[in-house]
Amino acid sequence: MIGWLRHQKHALTSALRRLARQPVSTLLTALAMGVAISLPSGLYLGLDNLSRLAGELPAQPEISVFLDPAASGADKQAIATRLKRPDIAQARFVPKDDALAALSVSQDLADISAGLAENPLPDAWVVQPRTRSREALARVADELGKLPGVAETHLDSQWAERLQAALTIGHTGVWLLAGLFAIALVAISGNAIRAQVLARRDEIQVSRLIGATDRYIRRPFLYLGALQGLLGGLAAGGVLAAAGTLLRPQVERLAGLYGSAFHLAPPSTSEIAVVLGLTTLFGWLGAWLSVTRTLHQVEATR
């Protein structure tokens, strides 16, 4: 066990020494990996933030029923009676004065609303049907819109459903893109390690003459590939941090214009750990494939 640990320490030290001897090449390789990783990672974070925004929207679709200002008391009573049927889960009456007060507070329009001669908003009902299917919701909204005393109906959360469907497609696309960039990451690491192996071809042949096994020869290069993958993950983190710093004020300003406190959320600790672990793994895998193939080629030319 002590001998195995000594070999691992020697291989790791050798890999670190090789990285330090070639700082420019190490930096360029890390940047190439970082750019390759940052694209799917950035798209994943963007979709995660959009999912969080969509999660803050009403989960149950609602139908807003706006009453005609000229609606009679009998019309209003008939509407209230219709909303008590079993196909309606919940119905909430919103007087126009309450609606104007809520609008003034949420949009900071108190000064403007105070100067109005009369309330321009209509009375309304906020209705939650029991069904969630688009066809049934449209049917209920159309039926409510035909009632006497109803000026207009509006199906809320319809765009949120479309957003959720688009997010599902987006997540699938991100995983496909991540798979493609994982292959690119393996290729970048493999090419970098192959150049290292070929540069030490004579050294490898001498090591074999004195009894070194392929496992012993391969070990420092595997550590080198893993370290390059780790540096690539750190470079991707730097790229994403810089992009987040530039985008955060603009996103918060846009959200503020819509009266929202939404802000970009940074990646969690577990997400950072997963990215670093995967980049290290792919760097190691690329090194293993490249070293194994190159050692066979060196052996064949002896």
Protein backbone atom coordinates (compact mmCIF):
# COMPACT_ATOMS: atom_id res chain seq x y z
CA MET A 1 0.00 0.00 0.00
CA ILE A 2 2.82 2.37 0.89
CA GLY A 3 4.55 1.59 -2.39
CA TRP A 4 1.34 2.25 -4.35
CA LEU A 5 0.87 5.60 -2.62
CA ARG A 6 4.48 6.48 -3.33
CA HIS A 7 3.96 5.76 -7.04
CA GLN A 8 0.78 7.88 -7.09
CA LYS A 9 2.56 10.76 -5.39
CA HIS A 10 5.45 10.54 -7.84
CA ALA A 11 3.06 10.53 -10.83
CA LEU A 12 1.08 13.50 -9.48
CA THR A 13 4.26 15.47 -8.77
CA SER A 14 5.54 14.70 -12.25
CA ALA A 15 2.27 15.91 -13.81
CA LEU A 16 2.31 19.15 -11.81
CA ARG A 17 5.92 19.74 -12.79
CA ARG A 18 5.07 19.30 -16.48
CA LEU A 19 2.21 21.77 -16.21
CA ALA A 20 4.45 24.31 -14.51
CA ARG A 21 7.16 23.95 -17.18
CA GLN A 22 4.67 24.89 -19.94
CA PRO A 23 2.48 27.68 -18.51
CA VAL A 24 1.43 29.12 -21.87
CA SER A 25 0.43 25.75 -23.32
CA THR A 26 -1.35 24.85 -20.07
CA LEU A 27 -3.26 28.14 -20.09
CA LEU A 28 -4.33 27.81 -23.72
CA THR A 29 -5.50 24.24 -23.21
CA ALA A 30 -7.45 25.24 -20.09
CA LEU A 31 -9.07 28.15 -21.95
CA ALA A 32 -10.02 25.91 -24.87
CA MET A 33 -11.64 23.47 -22.47
CA GLY A 34 -13.25 26.29 -20.50
CA VAL A 35 -14.90 27.78 -23.57
CA ALA A 36 -16.14 24.33 -24.63
CA ILE A 37 -17.62 23.72 -21.17
CA SER A 38 -19.02 27.21 -20.59
CA LEU A 39 -21.52 27.08 -23.46
CA PRO A 40 -23.64 24.11 -22.27
CA SER A 41 -23.09 25.16 -18.64
CA GLY A 42 -24.26 28.71 -19.39
CA LEU A 43 -27.32 27.44 -21.25
CA TYR A 44 -28.13 25.13 -18.34
CA LEU A 45 -27.90 28.02 -15.86
CA GLY A 46 -30.02 30.21 -18.11
CA LEU A 47 -32.72 27.55 -18.37
CA ASP A 48 -32.51 26.96 -14.62
CA ASN A 49 -33.17 30.65 -13.99
CA LEU A 50 -36.06 30.64 -16.47
CA SER A 51 -37.48 27.57 -14.74
CA ARG A 52 -37.25 29.39 -11.43
CA LEU A 53 -39.07 32.35 -12.97
CA ALA A 54 -41.75 30.09 -14.40
CA GLY A 55 -42.09 28.38 -11.04
CA GLU A 56 -43.07 31.69 -9.47
CA LEU A 57 -46.05 31.94 -11.82
CA PRO A 58 -49.45 30.51 -10.93
CA ALA A 59 -49.30 26.76 -11.37
CA GLN A 60 -53.07 26.48 -11.91
CA PRO A 61 -54.30 28.28 -15.05
CA GLU A 62 -56.77 31.06 -14.29
CA ILE A 63 -59.48 32.77 -16.29
CA SER A 64 -60.06 36.46 -15.70
CA VAL A 65 -63.68 37.41 -16.30
CA PHE A 66 -64.12 41.18 -16.73
CA LEU A 67 -67.62 42.50 -16.16
CA ASP A 68 -69.35 45.06 -18.33
CA PRO A 69 -69.74 48.36 -16.41
CA ALA A 70 -73.36 48.41 -17.60
CA ALA A 71 -74.08 44.89 -16.24
CA SER A 72 -77.25 44.70 -14.18
CA GLY A 73 -77.57 43.14 -10.77
CA ALA A 74 -79.38 40.15 -12.32
CA ASP A 75 -76.48 39.63 -14.75
CA LYS A 76 -73.96 39.70 -11.91
CA GLN A 77 -76.04 37.22 -9.91
CA ALA A 78 -76.28 34.89 -12.93
CA ILE A 79 -72.49 35.01 -13.35
CA ALA A 80 -71.95 34.23 -9.66
CA THR A 81 -74.37 31.31 -9.92
CA ARG A 82 -72.56 29.93 -13.00
CA LEU A 83 -69.23 30.06 -11.16
CA LYS A 84 -70.58 27.72 -8.47
CA ARG A 85 -70.86 24.78 -10.87
CA PRO A 86 -68.66 21.67 -10.33
CA ASP A 87 -66.32 22.50 -13.25
CA ILE A 88 -65.07 25.56 -11.33
CA ALA A 89 -62.56 24.83 -8.54
CA GLN A 90 -62.42 28.35 -7.15
CA ALA A 91 -63.75 31.80 -8.03
CA ARG A 92 -62.69 35.07 -6.43
CA PHE A 93 -64.47 38.38 -6.97
CA VAL A 94 -62.15 41.40 -7.39
CA PRO A 95 -63.92 44.77 -7.04
CA LYS A 96 -62.59 47.45 -9.30
CA ASP A 97 -61.53 49.63 -6.36
CA ASP A 98 -59.39 46.80 -4.94
CA ALA A 99 -57.90 46.14 -8.37
CA LEU A 100 -56.91 49.81 -8.77
CA ALA A 101 -55.38 49.91 -5.28
CA ALA A 102 -53.36 46.75 -5.93
CA LEU A 103 -52.20 48.08 -9.29
CA SER A 104 -51.15 51.39 -7.77
CA VAL A 105 -49.06 49.63 -5.11
CA SER A 106 -47.42 47.03 -7.36
CA GLN A 107 -46.57 49.44 -10.18
CA ASP A 108 -45.94 52.53 -8.03
CA LEU A 109 -48.77 54.46 -9.73
CA ALA A 110 -50.29 55.99 -6.60
CA ASP A 111 -49.83 59.57 -7.84
CA ILE A 112 -51.43 58.80 -11.19
CA SER A 113 -54.38 56.87 -9.75
CA ALA A 114 -55.03 59.65 -7.24
CA GLY A 115 -55.56 62.09 -10.10
CA LEU A 116 -58.14 59.98 -11.92
CA ALA A 117 -61.67 61.31 -12.00
CA GLU A 118 -63.09 57.78 -11.96
CA ASN A 119 -61.84 54.23 -11.78
CA PRO A 120 -61.21 52.94 -15.34
CA LEU A 121 -60.93 49.30 -14.25
CA PRO A 122 -63.94 46.93 -14.36
CA ASP A 123 -65.09 44.52 -11.68
CA ALA A 124 -63.75 41.07 -12.33
CA TRP A 125 -63.81 37.44 -11.30
CA VAL A 126 -60.62 35.36 -11.10
CA VAL A 127 -61.67 31.80 -11.88
CA GLN A 128 -59.71 28.56 -11.47
CA PRO A 129 -61.28 25.71 -13.46
CA ARG A 130 -60.80 22.14 -12.30
CA THR A 131 -59.47 21.07 -15.66
CA ARG A 132 -55.94 21.80 -16.95
CA SER A 133 -56.28 20.75 -20.58
CA ARG A 134 -56.01 23.54 -23.10
CA GLU A 135 -59.19 22.56 -24.97
CA ALA A 136 -61.31 22.40 -21.82
CA LEU A 137 -59.93 25.70 -20.53
CA ALA A 138 -60.69 27.38 -23.85
CA ARG A 139 -64.21 25.95 -23.77
CA VAL A 140 -64.87 27.24 -20.24
CA ALA A 141 -63.45 30.67 -21.12
CA ASP A 142 -65.63 30.82 -24.25
CA GLU A 143 -68.73 29.82 -22.28
CA LEU A 144 -68.09 32.43 -19.60
CA GLY A 145 -67.46 35.09 -22.26
CA LYS A 146 -70.96 34.53 -23.69
CA LEU A 147 -72.73 35.22 -20.38
CA PRO A 148 -74.77 38.46 -20.22
CA GLY A 149 -72.85 41.17 -18.41
CA VAL A 150 -69.38 39.80 -19.31
CA ALA A 151 -67.29 42.22 -21.35
CA GLU A 152 -64.23 40.04 -21.90
CA THR A 153 -62.46 36.92 -20.66
CA HIS A 154 -58.73 36.31 -20.56
CA LEU A 155 -57.03 32.95 -20.07
CA ASP A 156 -54.05 33.61 -17.82
CA SER A 157 -50.95 31.42 -17.53
CA GLN A 158 -51.32 30.25 -21.13
CA TRP A 159 -47.94 31.74 -21.99
CA ALA A 160 -46.47 30.11 -18.88
CA GLU A 161 -47.56 26.69 -20.17
CA ARG A 162 -45.86 27.43 -23.45
CA LEU A 163 -42.76 28.55 -21.57
CA GLN A 164 -42.70 25.27 -19.63
CA ALA A 165 -42.98 23.29 -22.86
CA ALA A 166 -40.16 25.34 -24.39
CA LEU A 167 -38.05 24.79 -21.27
CA THR A 168 -38.52 21.04 -21.56
CA ILE A 169 -37.24 21.17 -25.14
CA GLY A 170 -34.43 23.45 -24.03
CA HIS A 171 -33.26 21.07 -21.30
CA THR A 172 -33.19 18.21 -23.80
CA GLY A 173 -31.15 20.36 -26.16
CA VAL A 174 -28.72 21.28 -23.39
CA TRP A 175 -28.07 17.63 -22.56
CA LEU A 176 -27.48 16.83 -26.23
CA LEU A 177 -25.15 19.80 -26.51
CA ALA A 178 -23.36 18.79 -23.31
CA GLY A 179 -22.78 15.33 -24.77
CA LEU A 180 -21.25 16.81 -27.91
CA PHE A 181 -19.00 19.13 -25.93
CA ALA A 182 -18.00 16.25 -23.66
CA ILE A 183 -16.69 14.48 -26.76
CA ALA A 184 -14.89 17.70 -27.73
CA LEU A 185 -13.40 17.90 -24.24
CA VAL A 186 -12.09 14.35 -24.49
CA ALA A 187 -10.61 15.16 -27.90
CA ILE A 188 -8.90 18.34 -26.65
CA SER A 189 -7.40 16.53 -23.68
CA GLY A 190 -6.38 13.58 -25.81
CA ASN A 191 -4.59 15.72 -28.39
CA ALA A 192 -2.74 17.66 -25.69
CA ILE A 193 -1.61 14.45 -23.97
CA ARG A 194 -0.64 12.81 -27.27
CA ALA A 195 1.75 15.65 -27.95
CA GLN A 196 3.26 15.14 -24.50
CA VAL A 197 3.70 11.41 -25.10
CA LEU A 198 5.32 11.86 -28.51
CA ALA A 199 7.67 14.50 -27.10
CA ARG A 200 8.92 11.90 -24.57
CA ARG A 201 9.02 9.00 -26.96
CA ASP A 202 12.71 8.27 -26.39
CA GLU A 203 12.25 8.55 -22.62
CA ILE A 204 9.39 6.05 -22.76
CA GLN A 205 11.42 3.57 -24.78
CA VAL A 206 14.31 3.79 -22.32
CA SER A 207 11.89 3.27 -19.43
CA ARG A 208 10.57 0.13 -21.10
CA LEU A 209 14.10 -1.19 -21.56
CA ILE A 210 14.67 -1.00 -17.80
CA GLY A 211 11.40 -2.79 -17.05
CA ALA A 212 8.76 -0.05 -16.73
CA THR A 213 5.21 -1.26 -17.41
CA ASP A 214 2.62 0.55 -19.50
CA ARG A 215 0.68 1.26 -16.31
CA TYR A 216 3.67 2.98 -14.75
CA ILE A 217 4.37 4.99 -17.91
CA ARG A 218 0.70 5.89 -18.36
CA ARG A 219 0.06 7.08 -14.78
CA PRO A 220 1.70 10.58 -14.96
CA PHE A 221 -0.13 11.33 -18.21
CA LEU A 222 -3.45 10.33 -16.67
CA TYR A 223 -2.85 12.75 -13.81
CA LEU A 224 -1.86 15.36 -16.37
CA GLY A 225 -5.13 14.89 -18.28
CA ALA A 226 -7.18 15.01 -15.08
CA LEU A 227 -5.44 18.21 -13.97
CA GLN A 228 -6.01 19.79 -17.38
CA GLY A 229 -9.70 18.88 -17.14
CA LEU A 230 -9.88 20.41 -13.67
CA LEU A 231 -8.22 23.60 -14.91
CA GLY A 232 -10.67 23.65 -17.82
CA GLY A 233 -13.58 23.46 -15.37
CA LEU A 234 -12.11 26.33 -13.34
CA ALA A 235 -11.67 28.35 -16.55
CA ALA A 236 -15.32 27.70 -17.45
CA GLY A 237 -16.30 28.92 -14.00
CA GLY A 238 -14.35 32.12 -14.60
CA VAL A 239 -16.05 32.65 -17.97
CA LEU A 240 -19.51 32.12 -16.45
CA ALA A 241 -18.71 34.38 -13.49
CA ALA A 242 -17.63 37.17 -15.85
CA ALA A 243 -20.76 36.70 -17.99
CA GLY A 244 -22.97 36.73 -14.88
CA THR A 245 -21.33 39.93 -13.62
CA LEU A 246 -22.02 41.64 -16.94
CA LEU A 247 -25.59 40.37 -17.33
CA ARG A 248 -26.86 40.63 -13.75
CA PRO A 249 -27.44 44.44 -13.65
CA GLN A 250 -29.21 44.37 -17.03
CA VAL A 251 -31.46 41.45 -16.03
CA GLU A 252 -32.37 43.07 -12.70
CA ARG A 253 -33.12 46.36 -14.46
CA LEU A 254 -35.40 44.58 -16.96
CA ALA A 255 -37.14 42.70 -14.15
CA GLY A 256 -37.62 45.96 -12.26
CA LEU A 257 -39.42 47.46 -15.25
CA TYR A 258 -41.98 44.65 -14.92
CA GLY A 259 -42.29 45.14 -11.18
CA SER A 260 -40.40 41.95 -10.36
CA ALA A 261 -37.54 41.32 -7.93
CA PHE A 262 -36.15 38.52 -10.10
CA HIS A 263 -32.37 38.20 -10.23
CA LEU A 264 -29.91 35.76 -11.74
CA ALA A 265 -29.04 32.97 -9.32
CA PRO A 266 -25.43 31.71 -9.34
CA PRO A 267 -24.73 27.97 -9.62
CA SER A 268 -25.01 26.00 -6.41
CA THR A 269 -22.06 24.33 -4.71
CA SER A 270 -23.25 20.91 -5.83
CA GLU A 271 -23.53 22.08 -9.47
CA ILE A 272 -20.00 23.49 -9.35
CA ALA A 273 -18.71 20.24 -7.86
CA VAL A 274 -20.46 18.20 -10.57
CA VAL A 275 -18.97 20.33 -13.37
CA LEU A 276 -15.45 20.12 -11.93
CA GLY A 277 -15.82 16.39 -11.37
CA LEU A 278 -17.06 15.79 -14.93
CA THR A 279 -14.35 17.90 -16.52
CA THR A 280 -11.70 16.10 -14.48
CA LEU A 281 -13.18 12.75 -15.50
CA PHE A 282 -13.35 13.66 -19.20
CA GLY A 283 -9.78 14.99 -19.08
CA TRP A 284 -8.65 11.71 -17.54
CA LEU A 285 -10.61 9.70 -20.11
CA GLY A 286 -9.14 11.65 -23.02
CA ALA A 287 -5.65 11.12 -21.59
CA TRP A 288 -6.24 7.38 -21.12
CA LEU A 289 -7.46 6.89 -24.68
CA SER A 290 -4.65 8.97 -26.14
CA VAL A 291 -1.84 7.45 -24.07
CA THR A 292 -3.01 3.89 -24.66
CA ARG A 293 -3.21 4.40 -28.42
CA THR A 294 0.09 6.29 -28.63
CA LEU A 295 1.95 3.70 -26.53
CA HIS A 296 0.76 0.98 -28.89
CA GLN A 297 2.04 3.02 -31.82
CA VAL A 298 5.39 3.55 -30.14
CA GLU A 299 5.63 -0.17 -29.41
CA ALA A 300 4.81 -1.01 -33.05
CA THR A 301 7.64 1.22 -34.39
CA ARG A 302 10.35 -0.25 -32.18
